[in-house]
Amino acid sequence: MRNYLFASLIVLLFILAGCGGVVEEPRQTEDQSAPQERSPESRNQAKEIVDSPVNEDIEGLRGKVLSVVDGDTFKVRLDNGREETVRMTLIDTPETKHPKLGVQPFGKEASEFTTSRLTGKDVLLELDVQERDRYGRVLAYVWLGEQLFNQTLIEEGLARVAVFPPNTKYVDTFREVQRKAETAGNGIWSIEDYVLEKGYASEAAEQQSEVPEAASDGTCEGKIKGNRNSKIYHVPSGNYYDEVSEHNIVWFCSEEEAKAAGYRASKR
């Protein structure tokens, strides 16, 4: 009996030892499968959906301008085929299609200028902190080659600087350009008190249109030079004396004569 129990114990120990040496491989379920690295294409697609279709190398969107809505807004087809409405950020041009304001002075000129320069052109849309406005439009600095078109509109006197944080990357540059356009009396700055902090005062343009036009017979040529559009006069030593367009020049023999005709002195 003892021998039988001893033999049984030996067999049992042998079986247990054999089982202890077997390690079962954990089964890999579908949910636990090892992550696969995504291709560059799939990573880019994910970025387009989550953030925006930005090419990280150039930090902007490339596309072709399809049509112009007004001076600061246009439609574009991006290189990925998607069509977007773009609102140029950090600037504001006078209205042309506003339901209440109608067509404001220099609104038509701004729209025509943008249409002639951008329609059918390839552009680079540089984004700032906020990529879209509340209407879903892309907010962008528009590069036409090496030309920053937002800035060009300010230089031409067809747009004012309009600051809506957090998009303020070029605000200092734009304000300096605006100061020069204002001093020269370009475009919107040719109407006194027309440009406001939050828009444009159309009534100021209506009042100025009632001021009688000054006349000049040319006998005072070379003296006080008035700008017919801006109603600003310049003295020969002034910084902008030679920058008044020929077709806008009105000559005065004295500053008093210019003031009597409704002109004001240039700040420089």
C-alpha atoms as a PDB file:
ATOM      1  CA  MET A   1       0.000   0.000   0.000  1.00  0.00           C
ATOM      2  CA  ARG A   2       2.830   2.400   0.847  1.00  0.00           C
ATOM      3  CA  ASN A   3       4.568   1.587  -2.403  1.00  0.00           C
ATOM      4  CA  TYR A   4       1.362   2.331  -4.311  1.00  0.00           C
ATOM      5  CA  LEU A   5       0.868   5.705  -2.598  1.00  0.00           C
ATOM      6  CA  PHE A   6       4.483   6.639  -3.162  1.00  0.00           C
ATOM      7  CA  ALA A   7       4.267   5.776  -6.843  1.00  0.00           C
ATOM      8  CA  SER A   8       1.052   7.779  -7.216  1.00  0.00           C
ATOM      9  CA  LEU A   9       2.687  10.805  -5.568  1.00  0.00           C
ATOM     10  CA  ILE A  10       5.643  10.613  -7.961  1.00  0.00           C
ATOM     11  CA  VAL A  11       3.322  10.481 -10.986  1.00  0.00           C
ATOM     12  CA  LEU A  12       1.293  13.459  -9.682  1.00  0.00           C
ATOM     13  CA  LEU A  13       4.431  15.572  -9.148  1.00  0.00           C
ATOM     14  CA  PHE A  14       5.625  14.719 -12.653  1.00  0.00           C
ATOM     15  CA  ILE A  15       2.311  15.844 -14.181  1.00  0.00           C
ATOM     16  CA  LEU A  16       2.325  19.123 -12.248  1.00  0.00           C
ATOM     17  CA  ALA A  17       5.900  19.854 -13.250  1.00  0.00           C
ATOM     18  CA  GLY A  18       5.027  19.331 -16.904  1.00  0.00           C
ATOM     19  CA  CYS A  19       2.042  21.682 -16.781  1.00  0.00           C
ATOM     20  CA  GLY A  20       4.069  24.419 -15.072  1.00  0.00           C
ATOM     21  CA  GLY A  21       6.449  24.567 -18.025  1.00  0.00           C
ATOM     22  CA  VAL A  22       3.751  25.459 -20.530  1.00  0.00           C
ATOM     23  CA  VAL A  23       3.076  29.227 -20.986  1.00  0.00           C
ATOM     24  CA  GLU A  24       0.062  30.095 -23.118  1.00  0.00           C
ATOM     25  CA  GLU A  25       0.587  32.997 -25.515  1.00  0.00           C
ATOM     26  CA  PRO A  26      -2.009  35.729 -24.904  1.00  0.00           C
ATOM     27  CA  ARG A  27      -4.380  36.001 -27.843  1.00  0.00           C
ATOM     28  CA  GLN A  28      -4.364  39.299 -29.666  1.00  0.00           C
ATOM     29  CA  THR A  29      -7.867  40.590 -30.192  1.00  0.00           C
ATOM     30  CA  GLU A  30      -8.869  43.071 -32.873  1.00  0.00           C
ATOM     31  CA  ASP A  31      -9.179  45.882 -30.318  1.00  0.00           C
ATOM     32  CA  GLN A  32      -5.747  45.235 -28.858  1.00  0.00           C
ATOM     33  CA  SER A  33      -3.870  44.967 -32.145  1.00  0.00           C
ATOM     34  CA  ALA A  34      -0.636  46.931 -32.335  1.00  0.00           C
ATOM     35  CA  PRO A  35      -1.108  50.388 -33.872  1.00  0.00           C
ATOM     36  CA  GLN A  36       0.102  50.764 -37.419  1.00  0.00           C
ATOM     37  CA  GLU A  37       1.945  53.901 -38.462  1.00  0.00           C
ATOM     38  CA  ARG A  38      -0.174  56.012 -40.797  1.00  0.00           C
ATOM     39  CA  SER A  39       1.127  57.006 -44.171  1.00  0.00           C
ATOM     40  CA  PRO A  40       1.953  60.675 -44.775  1.00  0.00           C
ATOM     41  CA  GLU A  41      -1.200  60.909 -46.881  1.00  0.00           C
ATOM     42  CA  SER A  42      -3.459  59.690 -44.096  1.00  0.00           C
ATOM     43  CA  ARG A  43      -1.798  62.000 -41.584  1.00  0.00           C
ATOM     44  CA  ASN A  44      -2.410  64.979 -43.848  1.00  0.00           C
ATOM     45  CA  GLN A  45      -6.034  63.978 -44.359  1.00  0.00           C
ATOM     46  CA  ALA A  46      -6.553  63.790 -40.617  1.00  0.00           C
ATOM     47  CA  LYS A  47      -4.995  67.210 -40.154  1.00  0.00           C
ATOM     48  CA  GLU A  48      -7.290  68.673 -42.785  1.00  0.00           C
ATOM     49  CA  ILE A  49     -10.344  67.373 -40.969  1.00  0.00           C
ATOM     50  CA  VAL A  50      -9.294  68.297 -37.433  1.00  0.00           C
ATOM     51  CA  ASP A  51      -7.541  71.603 -38.013  1.00  0.00           C
ATOM     52  CA  SER A  52      -7.313  72.999 -41.525  1.00  0.00           C
ATOM     53  CA  PRO A  53      -5.708  71.969 -44.813  1.00  0.00           C
ATOM     54  CA  VAL A  54      -2.472  73.796 -44.080  1.00  0.00           C
ATOM     55  CA  ASN A  55       0.747  72.841 -45.797  1.00  0.00           C
ATOM     56  CA  GLU A  56       3.157  73.028 -42.879  1.00  0.00           C
ATOM     57  CA  ASP A  57       6.083  73.867 -45.140  1.00  0.00           C
ATOM     58  CA  ILE A  58       4.605  77.148 -46.341  1.00  0.00           C
ATOM     59  CA  GLU A  59       2.133  77.779 -43.532  1.00  0.00           C
ATOM     60  CA  GLY A  60      -0.705  78.619 -45.858  1.00  0.00           C
ATOM     61  CA  LEU A  61      -3.243  77.419 -48.396  1.00  0.00           C
ATOM     62  CA  ARG A  62      -2.670  77.578 -52.126  1.00  0.00           C
ATOM     63  CA  GLY A  63      -5.496  78.084 -54.561  1.00  0.00           C
ATOM     64  CA  LYS A  64      -6.903  79.956 -57.563  1.00  0.00           C
ATOM     65  CA  VAL A  65      -9.265  82.901 -57.222  1.00  0.00           C
ATOM     66  CA  LEU A  66     -12.613  82.121 -58.876  1.00  0.00           C
ATOM     67  CA  SER A  67     -14.540  85.348 -58.368  1.00  0.00           C
ATOM     68  CA  VAL A  68     -14.614  88.499 -56.257  1.00  0.00           C
ATOM     69  CA  VAL A  69     -17.517  89.330 -53.942  1.00  0.00           C
ATOM     70  CA  ASP A  70     -16.304  92.810 -52.983  1.00  0.00           C
ATOM     71  CA  GLY A  71     -13.089  94.625 -52.162  1.00  0.00           C
ATOM     72  CA  ASP A  72     -12.020  92.366 -49.294  1.00  0.00           C
ATOM     73  CA  THR A  73     -13.868  89.098 -50.034  1.00  0.00           C
ATOM     74  CA  PHE A  74     -13.519  86.519 -52.792  1.00  0.00           C
ATOM     75  CA  LYS A  75     -14.077  82.865 -53.664  1.00  0.00           C
ATOM     76  CA  VAL A  76     -11.190  80.474 -54.227  1.00  0.00           C
ATOM     77  CA  ARG A  77     -10.657  76.870 -55.252  1.00  0.00           C
ATOM     78  CA  LEU A  78      -7.931  75.331 -53.100  1.00  0.00           C
ATOM     79  CA  ASP A  79      -5.389  72.896 -54.480  1.00  0.00           C
ATOM     80  CA  ASN A  80      -7.259  70.066 -52.754  1.00  0.00           C
ATOM     81  CA  GLY A  81     -10.340  70.885 -54.845  1.00  0.00           C
ATOM     82  CA  ARG A  82     -12.399  72.435 -52.086  1.00  0.00           C
ATOM     83  CA  GLU A  83     -14.006  75.834 -52.707  1.00  0.00           C
ATOM     84  CA  GLU A  84     -13.946  78.444 -49.948  1.00  0.00           C
ATOM     85  CA  THR A  85     -14.979  82.044 -49.382  1.00  0.00           C
ATOM     86  CA  VAL A  86     -12.028  84.128 -48.190  1.00  0.00           C
ATOM     87  CA  ARG A  87     -12.238  87.316 -46.123  1.00  0.00           C
ATOM     88  CA  MET A  88      -9.006  89.290 -46.056  1.00  0.00           C
ATOM     89  CA  THR A  89      -8.097  89.698 -42.411  1.00  0.00           C
ATOM     90  CA  LEU A  90      -6.996  92.876 -40.625  1.00  0.00           C
ATOM     91  CA  ILE A  91      -8.526  95.189 -43.267  1.00  0.00           C
ATOM     92  CA  ASP A  92     -11.946  96.529 -44.235  1.00  0.00           C
ATOM     93  CA  THR A  93     -13.027  98.032 -47.555  1.00  0.00           C
ATOM     94  CA  PRO A  94     -16.155 100.168 -48.019  1.00  0.00           C
ATOM     95  CA  GLU A  95     -19.364  98.229 -48.628  1.00  0.00           C
ATOM     96  CA  THR A  96     -20.934  97.543 -52.017  1.00  0.00           C
ATOM     97  CA  LYS A  97     -23.661  95.004 -51.209  1.00  0.00           C
ATOM     98  CA  HIS A  98     -24.684  95.755 -47.630  1.00  0.00           C
ATOM     99  CA  PRO A  99     -28.502  95.547 -47.196  1.00  0.00           C
ATOM    100  CA  LYS A 100     -28.591  98.737 -45.096  1.00  0.00           C
ATOM    101  CA  LEU A 101     -25.468 100.695 -46.078  1.00  0.00           C
ATOM    102  CA  GLY A 102     -25.702 100.071 -49.801  1.00  0.00           C
ATOM    103  CA  VAL A 103     -22.738 101.204 -51.911  1.00  0.00           C
ATOM    104  CA  GLN A 104     -20.329 103.345 -49.895  1.00  0.00           C
ATOM    105  CA  PRO A 105     -17.802 105.786 -51.402  1.00  0.00           C
ATOM    106  CA  PHE A 106     -14.776 103.925 -52.810  1.00  0.00           C
ATOM    107  CA  GLY A 107     -16.543 100.589 -52.314  1.00  0.00           C
ATOM    108  CA  LYS A 108     -16.958 100.134 -56.051  1.00  0.00           C
ATOM    109  CA  GLU A 109     -13.358 101.193 -56.699  1.00  0.00           C
ATOM    110  CA  ALA A 110     -12.070  98.692 -54.121  1.00  0.00           C
ATOM    111  CA  SER A 111     -14.160  95.893 -55.617  1.00  0.00           C
ATOM    112  CA  GLU A 112     -13.018  96.681 -59.158  1.00  0.00           C
ATOM    113  CA  PHE A 113      -9.386  96.873 -58.058  1.00  0.00           C
ATOM    114  CA  THR A 114      -9.523  93.483 -56.329  1.00  0.00           C
ATOM    115  CA  THR A 115     -11.355  91.961 -59.288  1.00  0.00           C
ATOM    116  CA  SER A 116      -8.767  93.181 -61.783  1.00  0.00           C
ATOM    117  CA  ARG A 117      -5.813  92.056 -59.681  1.00  0.00           C
ATOM    118  CA  LEU A 118      -6.960  88.706 -58.260  1.00  0.00           C
ATOM    119  CA  THR A 119      -9.495  87.030 -60.551  1.00  0.00           C
ATOM    120  CA  GLY A 120      -8.002  83.876 -62.056  1.00  0.00           C
ATOM    121  CA  LYS A 121      -4.738  84.323 -60.159  1.00  0.00           C
ATOM    122  CA  ASP A 122      -2.922  81.780 -57.989  1.00  0.00           C
ATOM    123  CA  VAL A 123      -2.659  82.999 -54.415  1.00  0.00           C
ATOM    124  CA  LEU A 124      -1.237  81.877 -51.099  1.00  0.00           C
ATOM    125  CA  LEU A 125      -3.549  82.299 -48.119  1.00  0.00           C
ATOM    126  CA  GLU A 126      -1.575  82.853 -44.932  1.00  0.00           C
ATOM    127  CA  LEU A 127      -3.596  82.120 -41.804  1.00  0.00           C
ATOM    128  CA  ASP A 128      -3.329  83.749 -38.400  1.00  0.00           C
ATOM    129  CA  VAL A 129      -4.520  82.544 -34.978  1.00  0.00           C
ATOM    130  CA  GLN A 130      -8.233  82.537 -35.862  1.00  0.00           C
ATOM    131  CA  GLU A 131      -8.749  80.715 -39.161  1.00  0.00           C
ATOM    132  CA  ARG A 132     -12.464  81.428 -39.753  1.00  0.00           C
ATOM    133  CA  ASP A 133     -14.993  84.098 -38.893  1.00  0.00           C
ATOM    134  CA  ARG A 134     -18.515  83.526 -37.575  1.00  0.00           C
ATOM    135  CA  TYR A 135     -19.793  83.132 -41.124  1.00  0.00           C
ATOM    136  CA  GLY A 136     -17.393  80.282 -41.834  1.00  0.00           C
ATOM    137  CA  ARG A 137     -15.208  82.322 -44.171  1.00  0.00           C
ATOM    138  CA  VAL A 138     -11.459  81.698 -44.220  1.00  0.00           C
ATOM    139  CA  LEU A 139      -9.594  84.645 -42.681  1.00  0.00           C
ATOM    140  CA  ALA A 140      -6.339  85.187 -44.539  1.00  0.00           C
ATOM    141  CA  TYR A 141      -3.450  87.401 -45.524  1.00  0.00           C
ATOM    142  CA  VAL A 142      -3.452  87.085 -49.302  1.00  0.00           C
ATOM    143  CA  TRP A 143      -0.114  86.749 -51.066  1.00  0.00           C
ATOM    144  CA  LEU A 144      -0.022  87.416 -54.803  1.00  0.00           C
ATOM    145  CA  GLY A 145       3.521  86.335 -55.543  1.00  0.00           C
ATOM    146  CA  GLU A 146       5.623  88.458 -53.173  1.00  0.00           C
ATOM    147  CA  GLN A 147       2.899  91.082 -52.825  1.00  0.00           C
ATOM    148  CA  LEU A 148       0.763  91.100 -49.674  1.00  0.00           C
ATOM    149  CA  PHE A 149      -2.537  92.160 -51.210  1.00  0.00           C
ATOM    150  CA  ASN A 150      -4.162  93.221 -47.918  1.00  0.00           C
ATOM    151  CA  GLN A 151      -1.393  95.803 -47.591  1.00  0.00           C
ATOM    152  CA  THR A 152      -1.752  96.909 -51.216  1.00  0.00           C
ATOM    153  CA  LEU A 153      -5.400  97.823 -50.644  1.00  0.00           C
ATOM    154  CA  ILE A 154      -4.355  99.990 -47.693  1.00  0.00           C
ATOM    155  CA  GLU A 155      -1.613 101.668 -49.746  1.00  0.00           C
ATOM    156  CA  GLU A 156      -4.093 102.503 -52.502  1.00  0.00           C
ATOM    157  CA  GLY A 157      -6.470 104.086 -50.014  1.00  0.00           C
ATOM    158  CA  LEU A 158      -9.097 101.438 -50.711  1.00  0.00           C
ATOM    159  CA  ALA A 159      -9.132  99.830 -47.247  1.00  0.00           C
ATOM    160  CA  ARG A 160      -8.654 100.775 -43.630  1.00  0.00           C
ATOM    161  CA  VAL A 161      -6.916  98.774 -40.911  1.00  0.00           C
ATOM    162  CA  ALA A 162      -9.568  96.825 -38.982  1.00  0.00           C
ATOM    163  CA  VAL A 163      -8.262  95.029 -35.892  1.00  0.00           C
ATOM    164  CA  PHE A 164     -10.137  91.987 -34.626  1.00  0.00           C
ATOM    165  CA  PRO A 165      -7.904  90.048 -32.177  1.00  0.00           C
ATOM    166  CA  PRO A 166      -6.323  87.569 -32.152  1.00  0.00           C
ATOM    167  CA  ASN A 167      -5.422  88.145 -35.835  1.00  0.00           C
ATOM    168  CA  THR A 168      -2.866  90.943 -35.469  1.00  0.00           C
ATOM    169  CA  LYS A 169       0.322  89.618 -37.075  1.00  0.00           C
ATOM    170  CA  TYR A 170       0.873  92.547 -39.462  1.00  0.00           C
ATOM    171  CA  VAL A 171      -0.965  95.256 -37.526  1.00  0.00           C
ATOM    172  CA  ASP A 172       2.090  97.488 -36.983  1.00  0.00           C
ATOM    173  CA  THR A 173       3.103  97.316 -40.643  1.00  0.00           C
ATOM    174  CA  PHE A 174      -0.436  97.954 -41.825  1.00  0.00           C
ATOM    175  CA  ARG A 175      -0.865 100.962 -39.538  1.00  0.00           C
ATOM    176  CA  GLU A 176       2.339 102.529 -40.823  1.00  0.00           C
ATOM    177  CA  VAL A 177       1.196 102.024 -44.421  1.00  0.00           C
ATOM    178  CA  GLN A 178      -2.197 103.484 -43.534  1.00  0.00           C
ATOM    179  CA  ARG A 179      -0.581 106.558 -41.988  1.00  0.00           C
ATOM    180  CA  LYS A 180       1.204 107.278 -45.273  1.00  0.00           C
ATOM    181  CA  ALA A 181      -1.959 106.737 -47.316  1.00  0.00           C
ATOM    182  CA  GLU A 182      -3.873 109.081 -45.025  1.00  0.00           C
ATOM    183  CA  THR A 183      -1.211 111.777 -45.221  1.00  0.00           C
ATOM    184  CA  ALA A 184      -1.174 111.545 -49.004  1.00  0.00           C
ATOM    185  CA  GLY A 185      -4.969 111.704 -49.099  1.00  0.00           C
ATOM    186  CA  ASN A 186      -5.325 108.500 -51.098  1.00  0.00           C
ATOM    187  CA  GLY A 187      -8.777 107.080 -51.807  1.00  0.00           C
ATOM    188  CA  ILE A 188     -10.898 106.836 -48.675  1.00  0.00           C
ATOM    189  CA  TRP A 189      -8.677 109.432 -47.012  1.00  0.00           C
ATOM    190  CA  SER A 190      -9.642 112.046 -49.589  1.00  0.00           C
ATOM    191  CA  ILE A 191     -12.969 112.477 -47.770  1.00  0.00           C
ATOM    192  CA  GLU A 192     -12.603 114.280 -44.476  1.00  0.00           C
ATOM    193  CA  ASP A 193     -14.004 112.400 -41.466  1.00  0.00           C
ATOM    194  CA  TYR A 194     -15.119 109.516 -43.696  1.00  0.00           C
ATOM    195  CA  VAL A 195     -12.963 106.798 -42.111  1.00  0.00           C
ATOM    196  CA  LEU A 196     -14.023 105.829 -38.610  1.00  0.00           C
ATOM    197  CA  GLU A 197     -12.633 103.400 -36.050  1.00  0.00           C
ATOM    198  CA  LYS A 198     -15.477 100.966 -36.750  1.00  0.00           C
ATOM    199  CA  GLY A 199     -16.273 101.635 -40.385  1.00  0.00           C
ATOM    200  CA  TYR A 200     -17.149 104.484 -42.735  1.00  0.00           C
ATOM    201  CA  ALA A 201     -19.359 107.572 -42.464  1.00  0.00           C
ATOM    202  CA  SER A 202     -21.165 107.896 -45.779  1.00  0.00           C
ATOM    203  CA  GLU A 203     -22.752 111.168 -44.652  1.00  0.00           C
ATOM    204  CA  ALA A 204     -19.288 112.771 -44.557  1.00  0.00           C
ATOM    205  CA  ALA A 205     -18.903 112.075 -48.270  1.00  0.00           C
ATOM    206  CA  GLU A 206     -22.318 113.597 -48.976  1.00  0.00           C
ATOM    207  CA  GLN A 207     -21.389 116.774 -47.109  1.00  0.00           C
ATOM    208  CA  GLN A 208     -18.065 117.125 -48.910  1.00  0.00           C
ATOM    209  CA  SER A 209     -19.727 116.746 -52.305  1.00  0.00           C
ATOM    210  CA  GLU A 210     -21.638 119.951 -51.527  1.00  0.00           C
ATOM    211  CA  VAL A 211     -18.415 122.007 -51.190  1.00  0.00           C
ATOM    212  CA  PRO A 212     -17.891 124.104 -54.354  1.00  0.00           C
ATOM    213  CA  GLU A 213     -14.995 123.010 -56.531  1.00  0.00           C
ATOM    214  CA  ALA A 214     -12.005 125.330 -56.448  1.00  0.00           C
ATOM    215  CA  ALA A 215     -10.825 126.715 -59.745  1.00  0.00           C
ATOM    216  CA  SER A 216      -7.346 127.558 -60.935  1.00  0.00           C
ATOM    217  CA  ASP A 217      -6.173 129.327 -64.048  1.00  0.00           C
ATOM    218  CA  GLY A 218      -2.596 128.110 -63.616  1.00  0.00           C
ATOM    219  CA  THR A 219      -1.169 131.541 -62.791  1.00  0.00           C
ATOM    220  CA  CYS A 220      -0.171 130.284 -59.336  1.00  0.00           C
ATOM    221  CA  GLU A 221       1.544 127.142 -60.623  1.00  0.00           C
ATOM    222  CA  GLY A 222       4.564 126.202 -58.528  1.00  0.00           C
ATOM    223  CA  LYS A 223       3.144 127.660 -55.329  1.00  0.00           C
ATOM    224  CA  ILE A 224       0.445 125.985 -53.214  1.00  0.00           C
ATOM    225  CA  LYS A 225      -0.627 122.623 -54.643  1.00  0.00           C
ATOM    226  CA  GLY A 226      -4.084 121.330 -53.748  1.00  0.00           C
ATOM    227  CA  ASN A 227      -5.294 117.735 -54.136  1.00  0.00           C
ATOM    228  CA  ARG A 228      -8.709 117.835 -55.806  1.00  0.00           C
ATOM    229  CA  ASN A 229      -9.738 114.474 -54.287  1.00  0.00           C
ATOM    230  CA  SER A 230      -8.496 114.837 -50.733  1.00  0.00           C
ATOM    231  CA  LYS A 231      -9.119 118.571 -50.354  1.00  0.00           C
ATOM    232  CA  ILE A 232      -5.643 118.784 -48.834  1.00  0.00           C
ATOM    233  CA  TYR A 233      -3.096 121.391 -49.929  1.00  0.00           C
ATOM    234  CA  HIS A 234       0.684 121.039 -49.902  1.00  0.00           C
ATOM    235  CA  VAL A 235       3.408 123.670 -49.666  1.00  0.00           C
ATOM    236  CA  PRO A 236       6.577 123.318 -51.813  1.00  0.00           C
ATOM    237  CA  SER A 237       8.620 122.160 -48.816  1.00  0.00           C
ATOM    238  CA  GLY A 238       6.091 119.495 -47.843  1.00  0.00           C
ATOM    239  CA  ASN A 239       6.916 115.781 -47.977  1.00  0.00           C
ATOM    240  CA  TYR A 240       4.033 114.995 -50.340  1.00  0.00           C
ATOM    241  CA  TYR A 241       4.187 118.052 -52.592  1.00  0.00           C
ATOM    242  CA  ASP A 242       5.432 116.021 -55.566  1.00  0.00           C
ATOM    243  CA  GLU A 243       3.166 113.035 -54.985  1.00  0.00           C
ATOM    244  CA  VAL A 244      -0.147 114.578 -56.000  1.00  0.00           C
ATOM    245  CA  SER A 245      -1.425 113.084 -59.268  1.00  0.00           C
ATOM    246  CA  GLU A 246      -1.337 115.599 -62.115  1.00  0.00           C
ATOM    247  CA  HIS A 247      -5.049 115.297 -62.870  1.00  0.00           C
ATOM    248  CA  ASN A 248      -5.858 116.054 -59.215  1.00  0.00           C
ATOM    249  CA  ILE A 249      -3.754 119.231 -58.913  1.00  0.00           C
ATOM    250  CA  VAL A 250      -5.404 122.566 -58.146  1.00  0.00           C
ATOM    251  CA  TRP A 251      -3.030 125.534 -57.821  1.00  0.00           C
ATOM    252  CA  PHE A 252      -3.392 128.301 -55.247  1.00  0.00           C
ATOM    253  CA  CYS A 253      -1.376 131.469 -54.805  1.00  0.00           C
ATOM    254  CA  SER A 254      -1.499 131.310 -51.005  1.00  0.00           C
ATOM    255  CA  GLU A 255      -2.538 129.089 -48.127  1.00  0.00           C
ATOM    256  CA  GLU A 256      -5.322 131.538 -47.335  1.00  0.00           C
ATOM    257  CA  GLU A 257      -6.744 131.057 -50.808  1.00  0.00           C
ATOM    258  CA  ALA A 258      -6.597 127.271 -50.412  1.00  0.00           C
ATOM    259  CA  LYS A 259      -8.346 127.398 -47.047  1.00  0.00           C
ATOM    260  CA  ALA A 260     -11.029 129.687 -48.432  1.00  0.00           C
ATOM    261  CA  ALA A 261     -11.702 127.061 -51.104  1.00  0.00           C
ATOM    262  CA  GLY A 262     -12.305 124.410 -48.453  1.00  0.00           C
ATOM    263  CA  TYR A 263      -8.848 122.810 -48.431  1.00  0.00           C
ATOM    264  CA  ARG A 264      -6.857 121.937 -45.319  1.00  0.00           C
ATOM    265  CA  ALA A 265      -3.100 121.832 -44.802  1.00  0.00           C
ATOM    266  CA  SER A 266      -1.140 118.608 -45.142  1.00  0.00           C
ATOM    267  CA  LYS A 267       0.246 117.325 -41.857  1.00  0.00           C
ATOM    268  CA  ARG A 268       3.682 116.999 -43.453  1.00  0.00           C
END
